Amino acid sequence: MYSYFRAPLRRSSSWTFDEKILVQALYKVLLSVSKKYPVVLYIRDVEKFLHKSPKMYLLFEKLLNKLEGPVLILGSRIVDMNSDEESNDRLTVLFPYNIEIKPLENENHLVSWNSQLEEDMKMIQFQDNRNHIMEV
């Protein structure tokens, strides 16, 4: 039996800005930077990000269709290990490749893995809290 560090992974808040402005700004930045350098955009909990509103999904889909050049967009998805929940079909269209990360089974490696996971989760929570404070 594995023991997992449980921390609040999701903060529920409503956006106070227009999704269209966000996606347009993101597109301009990606387009500008990708002309000189390869770009990797990581979207944490992409399901929550894109399902914030129906408009957000459509705007993001248009952004992906317009983008050119060396741009890699990665979206993570937080899944409950006990849930049989399947990936959203619309999300699978935008992100067709899946990489599943499972905890290690070797006890020695698992202790190290759990320790690193706890550290990473604390750092993510700290960054999330800091970003939330900056919004206020």
N, C-alpha and C. Protein backbone atom coordinates (compact mmCIF):
# COMPACT_ATOMS: atom_id res chain seq x y z
N MET A 1 0.84 -1.18 0.00
CA MET A 1 0.00 0.00 0.00
C MET A 1 0.88 1.24 0.00
N TYR A 2 0.58 2.18 -0.83
CA TYR A 2 1.37 3.40 -0.93
C TYR A 2 0.73 4.50 -0.10
N SER A 3 1.58 5.31 0.51
CA SER A 3 1.04 6.49 1.19
C SER A 3 1.41 7.70 0.34
N TYR A 4 0.44 8.47 0.00
CA TYR A 4 0.66 9.64 -0.84
C TYR A 4 0.49 10.90 -0.02
N PHE A 5 1.29 11.87 -0.31
CA PHE A 5 1.15 13.18 0.31
C PHE A 5 -0.07 13.84 -0.30
N ARG A 6 -1.01 14.20 0.52
CA ARG A 6 -2.23 14.83 0.02
C ARG A 6 -2.18 16.32 0.33
N ALA A 7 -2.22 17.10 -0.69
CA ALA A 7 -2.26 18.55 -0.55
C ALA A 7 -3.31 19.08 -1.51
N PRO A 8 -3.89 20.20 -1.20
CA PRO A 8 -4.88 20.74 -2.13
C PRO A 8 -4.20 21.10 -3.45
N LEU A 9 -4.56 20.38 -4.50
CA LEU A 9 -3.92 20.57 -5.80
C LEU A 9 -4.63 21.63 -6.63
N ARG A 10 -5.85 21.90 -6.32
CA ARG A 10 -6.61 22.83 -7.14
C ARG A 10 -7.17 23.95 -6.28
N ARG A 11 -7.06 25.14 -6.79
CA ARG A 11 -7.65 26.29 -6.12
C ARG A 11 -8.85 26.71 -6.95
N SER A 12 -10.00 26.77 -6.33
CA SER A 12 -11.18 27.15 -7.10
C SER A 12 -11.37 28.66 -6.99
N SER A 13 -11.21 29.31 -8.10
CA SER A 13 -11.45 30.74 -8.15
C SER A 13 -11.97 31.07 -9.53
N SER A 14 -12.70 32.13 -9.61
CA SER A 14 -13.21 32.53 -10.92
C SER A 14 -12.28 33.56 -11.52
N TRP A 15 -12.21 33.55 -12.83
CA TRP A 15 -11.35 34.50 -13.51
C TRP A 15 -12.02 35.86 -13.53
N THR A 16 -11.22 36.88 -13.38
CA THR A 16 -11.75 38.23 -13.39
C THR A 16 -11.34 38.97 -14.65
N PHE A 17 -10.99 38.24 -15.70
CA PHE A 17 -10.57 38.87 -16.95
C PHE A 17 -11.20 38.15 -18.13
N ASP A 18 -11.09 38.76 -19.26
CA ASP A 18 -11.66 38.22 -20.49
C ASP A 18 -10.74 37.14 -21.06
N GLU A 19 -11.30 35.97 -21.30
CA GLU A 19 -10.52 34.85 -21.84
C GLU A 19 -9.90 35.20 -23.19
N LYS A 20 -10.61 35.97 -24.00
CA LYS A 20 -10.12 36.32 -25.32
C LYS A 20 -8.82 37.13 -25.23
N ILE A 21 -8.76 38.05 -24.28
CA ILE A 21 -7.55 38.85 -24.09
C ILE A 21 -6.39 37.95 -23.68
N LEU A 22 -6.65 37.00 -22.79
CA LEU A 22 -5.61 36.06 -22.34
C LEU A 22 -5.07 35.25 -23.52
N VAL A 23 -5.95 34.67 -24.31
CA VAL A 23 -5.52 33.81 -25.42
C VAL A 23 -4.81 34.63 -26.50
N GLN A 24 -5.30 35.82 -26.78
CA GLN A 24 -4.64 36.68 -27.77
C GLN A 24 -3.24 37.07 -27.31
N ALA A 25 -3.11 37.42 -26.03
CA ALA A 25 -1.79 37.79 -25.50
C ALA A 25 -0.85 36.59 -25.53
N LEU A 26 -1.36 35.42 -25.16
CA LEU A 26 -0.56 34.20 -25.19
C LEU A 26 -0.10 33.91 -26.62
N TYR A 27 -0.99 34.05 -27.57
CA TYR A 27 -0.65 33.82 -28.98
C TYR A 27 0.45 34.78 -29.43
N LYS A 28 0.32 36.05 -29.11
CA LYS A 28 1.32 37.04 -29.52
C LYS A 28 2.69 36.72 -28.93
N VAL A 29 2.71 36.33 -27.67
CA VAL A 29 3.99 36.00 -27.02
C VAL A 29 4.60 34.76 -27.67
N LEU A 30 3.80 33.71 -27.85
CA LEU A 30 4.31 32.48 -28.47
C LEU A 30 4.82 32.74 -29.89
N LEU A 31 4.07 33.51 -30.65
CA LEU A 31 4.46 33.82 -32.02
C LEU A 31 5.76 34.60 -32.05
N SER A 32 5.87 35.60 -31.21
CA SER A 32 7.05 36.46 -31.16
C SER A 32 8.30 35.68 -30.74
N VAL A 33 8.19 34.94 -29.65
CA VAL A 33 9.35 34.22 -29.12
C VAL A 33 9.75 33.07 -30.05
N SER A 34 8.76 32.39 -30.64
CA SER A 34 9.07 31.23 -31.48
C SER A 34 9.76 31.61 -32.79
N LYS A 35 9.77 32.88 -33.13
CA LYS A 35 10.50 33.32 -34.32
C LYS A 35 12.01 33.27 -34.09
N LYS A 36 12.43 33.37 -32.82
CA LYS A 36 13.85 33.36 -32.49
C LYS A 36 14.29 32.08 -31.78
N TYR A 37 13.41 31.51 -30.96
CA TYR A 37 13.78 30.37 -30.12
C TYR A 37 12.66 29.33 -30.11
N PRO A 38 13.01 28.08 -29.86
CA PRO A 38 11.96 27.08 -29.62
C PRO A 38 11.26 27.41 -28.29
N VAL A 39 9.97 27.13 -28.22
CA VAL A 39 9.19 27.47 -27.04
C VAL A 39 8.49 26.22 -26.50
N VAL A 40 8.51 26.07 -25.18
CA VAL A 40 7.73 25.03 -24.51
C VAL A 40 6.77 25.74 -23.56
N LEU A 41 5.48 25.54 -23.78
CA LEU A 41 4.45 26.11 -22.91
C LEU A 41 3.86 24.97 -22.10
N TYR A 42 3.92 25.09 -20.78
CA TYR A 42 3.36 24.07 -19.89
C TYR A 42 2.11 24.64 -19.24
N ILE A 43 1.00 23.94 -19.38
CA ILE A 43 -0.25 24.35 -18.76
C ILE A 43 -0.61 23.31 -17.71
N ARG A 44 -0.51 23.72 -16.46
CA ARG A 44 -0.83 22.82 -15.35
C ARG A 44 -2.34 22.68 -15.24
N ASP A 45 -2.80 21.46 -15.06
CA ASP A 45 -4.22 21.15 -14.93
C ASP A 45 -5.01 21.74 -16.10
N VAL A 46 -4.63 21.32 -17.29
CA VAL A 46 -5.19 21.87 -18.53
C VAL A 46 -6.69 21.68 -18.62
N GLU A 47 -7.19 20.63 -18.02
CA GLU A 47 -8.63 20.38 -18.05
C GLU A 47 -9.38 21.52 -17.35
N LYS A 48 -8.90 21.92 -16.21
CA LYS A 48 -9.52 23.03 -15.47
C LYS A 48 -9.37 24.33 -16.26
N PHE A 49 -8.20 24.53 -16.85
CA PHE A 49 -7.92 25.74 -17.62
C PHE A 49 -8.87 25.88 -18.80
N LEU A 50 -9.07 24.81 -19.54
CA LEU A 50 -9.88 24.88 -20.76
C LEU A 50 -11.38 24.77 -20.50
N HIS A 51 -11.76 24.23 -19.37
CA HIS A 51 -13.18 24.10 -19.08
C HIS A 51 -13.69 25.20 -18.15
N LYS A 52 -12.90 26.23 -17.99
CA LYS A 52 -13.33 27.37 -17.18
C LYS A 52 -14.58 28.00 -17.79
N SER A 53 -14.62 27.99 -19.11
CA SER A 53 -15.79 28.47 -19.85
C SER A 53 -15.77 27.83 -21.23
N PRO A 54 -16.92 27.67 -21.86
CA PRO A 54 -16.94 27.09 -23.22
C PRO A 54 -16.14 27.94 -24.21
N LYS A 55 -16.13 29.22 -23.98
CA LYS A 55 -15.41 30.15 -24.85
C LYS A 55 -13.91 29.87 -24.82
N MET A 56 -13.39 29.51 -23.65
CA MET A 56 -11.96 29.29 -23.48
C MET A 56 -11.47 28.15 -24.37
N TYR A 57 -12.21 27.05 -24.40
CA TYR A 57 -11.82 25.91 -25.22
C TYR A 57 -11.74 26.32 -26.69
N LEU A 58 -12.76 27.00 -27.18
CA LEU A 58 -12.79 27.41 -28.60
C LEU A 58 -11.66 28.37 -28.94
N LEU A 59 -11.39 29.31 -28.06
CA LEU A 59 -10.29 30.26 -28.30
C LEU A 59 -8.94 29.55 -28.32
N PHE A 60 -8.75 28.61 -27.39
CA PHE A 60 -7.48 27.88 -27.33
C PHE A 60 -7.31 26.99 -28.56
N GLU A 61 -8.39 26.38 -29.01
CA GLU A 61 -8.34 25.55 -30.21
C GLU A 61 -7.92 26.39 -31.42
N LYS A 62 -8.46 27.59 -31.53
CA LYS A 62 -8.07 28.49 -32.63
C LYS A 62 -6.60 28.86 -32.53
N LEU A 63 -6.13 29.12 -31.31
CA LEU A 63 -4.72 29.44 -31.09
C LEU A 63 -3.84 28.30 -31.60
N LEU A 64 -4.18 27.07 -31.25
CA LEU A 64 -3.38 25.92 -31.69
C LEU A 64 -3.37 25.79 -33.21
N ASN A 65 -4.49 26.06 -33.83
CA ASN A 65 -4.57 25.94 -35.29
C ASN A 65 -3.76 27.02 -36.01
N LYS A 66 -3.60 28.18 -35.38
CA LYS A 66 -2.86 29.28 -36.01
C LYS A 66 -1.36 29.21 -35.76
N LEU A 67 -0.95 28.54 -34.69
CA LEU A 67 0.47 28.53 -34.32
C LEU A 67 1.32 27.79 -35.34
N GLU A 68 2.51 28.32 -35.56
CA GLU A 68 3.50 27.68 -36.43
C GLU A 68 4.84 27.76 -35.74
N GLY A 69 5.77 26.97 -36.23
CA GLY A 69 7.13 27.06 -35.72
C GLY A 69 7.40 26.11 -34.57
N PRO A 70 8.56 26.29 -33.95
CA PRO A 70 9.01 25.37 -32.90
C PRO A 70 8.34 25.64 -31.56
N VAL A 71 7.06 25.24 -31.46
CA VAL A 71 6.29 25.44 -30.23
C VAL A 71 5.77 24.09 -29.76
N LEU A 72 6.06 23.76 -28.51
CA LEU A 72 5.55 22.53 -27.90
C LEU A 72 4.66 22.95 -26.74
N ILE A 73 3.42 22.47 -26.75
CA ILE A 73 2.49 22.79 -25.67
C ILE A 73 2.18 21.51 -24.92
N LEU A 74 2.49 21.53 -23.62
CA LEU A 74 2.25 20.39 -22.74
C LEU A 74 1.14 20.76 -21.77
N GLY A 75 0.23 19.84 -21.58
CA GLY A 75 -0.84 20.06 -20.60
C GLY A 75 -0.88 18.92 -19.63
N SER A 76 -0.83 19.22 -18.34
CA SER A 76 -0.91 18.16 -17.35
C SER A 76 -2.36 18.00 -16.90
N ARG A 77 -2.64 16.85 -16.39
CA ARG A 77 -3.98 16.54 -15.92
C ARG A 77 -3.83 15.82 -14.59
N ILE A 78 -4.51 16.30 -13.58
CA ILE A 78 -4.43 15.69 -12.26
C ILE A 78 -5.55 14.66 -12.15
N VAL A 79 -5.15 13.41 -11.95
CA VAL A 79 -6.11 12.31 -11.93
C VAL A 79 -6.08 11.65 -10.57
N ASP A 80 -7.25 11.37 -10.04
CA ASP A 80 -7.37 10.63 -8.79
C ASP A 80 -7.08 9.16 -9.10
N MET A 81 -6.15 8.57 -8.36
CA MET A 81 -5.75 7.18 -8.63
C MET A 81 -6.92 6.21 -8.47
N ASN A 82 -7.91 6.55 -7.65
CA ASN A 82 -9.03 5.66 -7.40
C ASN A 82 -10.18 5.87 -8.38
N SER A 83 -10.03 6.83 -9.26
CA SER A 83 -11.10 7.16 -10.19
C SER A 83 -10.89 6.45 -11.52
N ASP A 84 -11.98 6.01 -12.11
CA ASP A 84 -11.93 5.40 -13.44
C ASP A 84 -12.28 6.42 -14.51
N GLU A 85 -12.22 7.69 -14.16
CA GLU A 85 -12.59 8.77 -15.06
C GLU A 85 -11.76 8.74 -16.33
N GLU A 86 -12.45 8.82 -17.45
CA GLU A 86 -11.78 8.84 -18.74
C GLU A 86 -11.48 10.28 -19.14
N SER A 87 -10.52 10.43 -20.01
CA SER A 87 -10.17 11.75 -20.51
C SER A 87 -11.31 12.32 -21.35
N ASN A 88 -11.51 13.59 -21.24
CA ASN A 88 -12.52 14.29 -22.01
C ASN A 88 -12.17 14.20 -23.49
N ASP A 89 -13.15 13.84 -24.33
CA ASP A 89 -12.90 13.68 -25.76
C ASP A 89 -12.40 14.96 -26.41
N ARG A 90 -12.96 16.09 -26.03
CA ARG A 90 -12.54 17.36 -26.62
C ARG A 90 -11.10 17.67 -26.23
N LEU A 91 -10.74 17.32 -25.01
CA LEU A 91 -9.37 17.54 -24.55
C LEU A 91 -8.40 16.63 -25.30
N THR A 92 -8.82 15.42 -25.57
CA THR A 92 -7.99 14.46 -26.30
C THR A 92 -7.74 14.93 -27.73
N VAL A 93 -8.66 15.67 -28.31
CA VAL A 93 -8.46 16.21 -29.65
C VAL A 93 -7.32 17.22 -29.64
N LEU A 94 -7.28 18.06 -28.61
CA LEU A 94 -6.22 19.08 -28.52
C LEU A 94 -4.89 18.49 -28.08
N PHE A 95 -4.94 17.51 -27.19
CA PHE A 95 -3.73 16.88 -26.66
C PHE A 95 -3.82 15.37 -26.89
N PRO A 96 -3.47 14.91 -28.11
CA PRO A 96 -3.68 13.51 -28.46
C PRO A 96 -2.69 12.52 -27.82
N TYR A 97 -1.56 13.01 -27.33
CA TYR A 97 -0.56 12.11 -26.77
C TYR A 97 -0.62 12.15 -25.25
N ASN A 98 -0.63 10.98 -24.63
CA ASN A 98 -0.71 10.88 -23.17
C ASN A 98 0.49 10.15 -22.62
N ILE A 99 1.02 10.67 -21.54
CA ILE A 99 2.09 9.99 -20.81
C ILE A 99 1.59 9.81 -19.39
N GLU A 100 1.51 8.57 -18.95
CA GLU A 100 1.02 8.29 -17.61
C GLU A 100 2.21 8.10 -16.68
N ILE A 101 2.20 8.82 -15.59
CA ILE A 101 3.29 8.72 -14.61
C ILE A 101 2.74 8.03 -13.37
N LYS A 102 3.30 6.88 -13.07
CA LYS A 102 2.85 6.10 -11.91
C LYS A 102 3.97 6.06 -10.87
N PRO A 103 3.59 5.91 -9.60
CA PRO A 103 4.62 5.78 -8.55
C PRO A 103 5.42 4.50 -8.72
N LEU A 104 6.64 4.54 -8.25
CA LEU A 104 7.52 3.38 -8.34
C LEU A 104 7.06 2.27 -7.40
N GLU A 105 7.39 1.04 -7.74
CA GLU A 105 7.00 -0.08 -6.89
C GLU A 105 8.12 -0.51 -5.95
N ASN A 106 9.37 -0.22 -6.28
CA ASN A 106 10.49 -0.53 -5.41
C ASN A 106 10.43 0.38 -4.19
N GLU A 107 10.41 -0.19 -2.99
CA GLU A 107 10.24 0.58 -1.75
C GLU A 107 11.31 1.66 -1.58
N ASN A 108 12.58 1.33 -1.88
CA ASN A 108 13.65 2.32 -1.71
C ASN A 108 13.46 3.51 -2.64
N HIS A 109 13.14 3.23 -3.88
CA HIS A 109 12.91 4.31 -4.84
C HIS A 109 11.63 5.07 -4.52
N LEU A 110 10.64 4.34 -3.99
CA LEU A 110 9.36 4.96 -3.67
C LEU A 110 9.51 6.00 -2.56
N VAL A 111 10.32 5.72 -1.57
CA VAL A 111 10.55 6.68 -0.48
C VAL A 111 11.15 7.96 -1.04
N SER A 112 12.15 7.82 -1.89
CA SER A 112 12.79 8.98 -2.52
C SER A 112 11.79 9.71 -3.42
N TRP A 113 11.02 8.96 -4.17
CA TRP A 113 10.03 9.55 -5.09
C TRP A 113 8.98 10.33 -4.31
N ASN A 114 8.46 9.73 -3.22
CA ASN A 114 7.46 10.40 -2.39
C ASN A 114 8.02 11.66 -1.75
N SER A 115 9.26 11.60 -1.32
CA SER A 115 9.91 12.76 -0.72
C SER A 115 10.01 13.90 -1.74
N GLN A 116 10.43 13.58 -2.94
CA GLN A 116 10.53 14.59 -4.00
C GLN A 116 9.15 15.12 -4.37
N LEU A 117 8.17 14.23 -4.41
CA LEU A 117 6.80 14.63 -4.72
C LEU A 117 6.27 15.61 -3.67
N GLU A 118 6.51 15.32 -2.40
CA GLU A 118 6.08 16.22 -1.33
C GLU A 118 6.73 17.59 -1.48
N GLU A 119 8.03 17.59 -1.75
CA GLU A 119 8.76 18.85 -1.94
C GLU A 119 8.18 19.64 -3.12
N ASP A 120 7.96 18.96 -4.22
CA ASP A 120 7.42 19.62 -5.42
C ASP A 120 6.01 20.17 -5.17
N MET A 121 5.19 19.40 -4.46
CA MET A 121 3.83 19.85 -4.18
C MET A 121 3.82 21.06 -3.26
N LYS A 122 4.72 21.09 -2.30
CA LYS A 122 4.83 22.26 -1.42
C LYS A 122 5.25 23.48 -2.23
N MET A 123 6.19 23.30 -3.14
CA MET A 123 6.66 24.41 -3.97
C MET A 123 5.54 24.91 -4.89
N ILE A 124 4.80 24.00 -5.48
CA ILE A 124 3.69 24.39 -6.35
C ILE A 124 2.63 25.13 -5.55
N GLN A 125 2.32 24.63 -4.35
CA GLN A 125 1.33 25.29 -3.51
C GLN A 125 1.80 26.68 -3.11
N PHE A 126 3.09 26.81 -2.80
CA PHE A 126 3.66 28.11 -2.46
C PHE A 126 3.52 29.08 -3.63
N GLN A 127 3.89 28.62 -4.83
CA GLN A 127 3.79 29.46 -6.02
C GLN A 127 2.34 29.84 -6.32
N ASP A 128 1.44 28.88 -6.15
CA ASP A 128 0.03 29.14 -6.38
C ASP A 128 -0.50 30.19 -5.40
N ASN A 129 -0.12 30.05 -4.13
CA ASN A 129 -0.54 31.02 -3.12
C ASN A 129 0.03 32.40 -3.43
N ARG A 130 1.29 32.45 -3.81
CA ARG A 130 1.92 33.73 -4.15
C ARG A 130 1.22 34.38 -5.33
N ASN A 131 0.91 33.59 -6.35
CA ASN A 131 0.20 34.13 -7.51
C ASN A 131 -1.19 34.63 -7.13
N HIS A 132 -1.84 33.89 -6.23
CA HIS A 132 -3.17 34.30 -5.78
C HIS A 132 -3.10 35.62 -5.01
N ILE A 133 -2.09 35.77 -4.18
CA ILE A 133 -1.91 37.02 -3.42
C ILE A 133 -1.65 38.17 -4.37
N MET A 134 -0.87 37.93 -5.41
CA MET A 134 -0.57 38.98 -6.39
C MET A 134 -1.82 39.40 -7.16
N GLU A 135 -2.78 38.48 -7.33
CA GLU A 135 -4.03 38.80 -8.01
C GLU A 135 -4.88 39.76 -7.19
N VAL A 136 -4.75 39.64 -5.88
CA VAL A 136 -5.60 40.44 -4.98
C VAL A 136 -5.06 41.79 -4.81
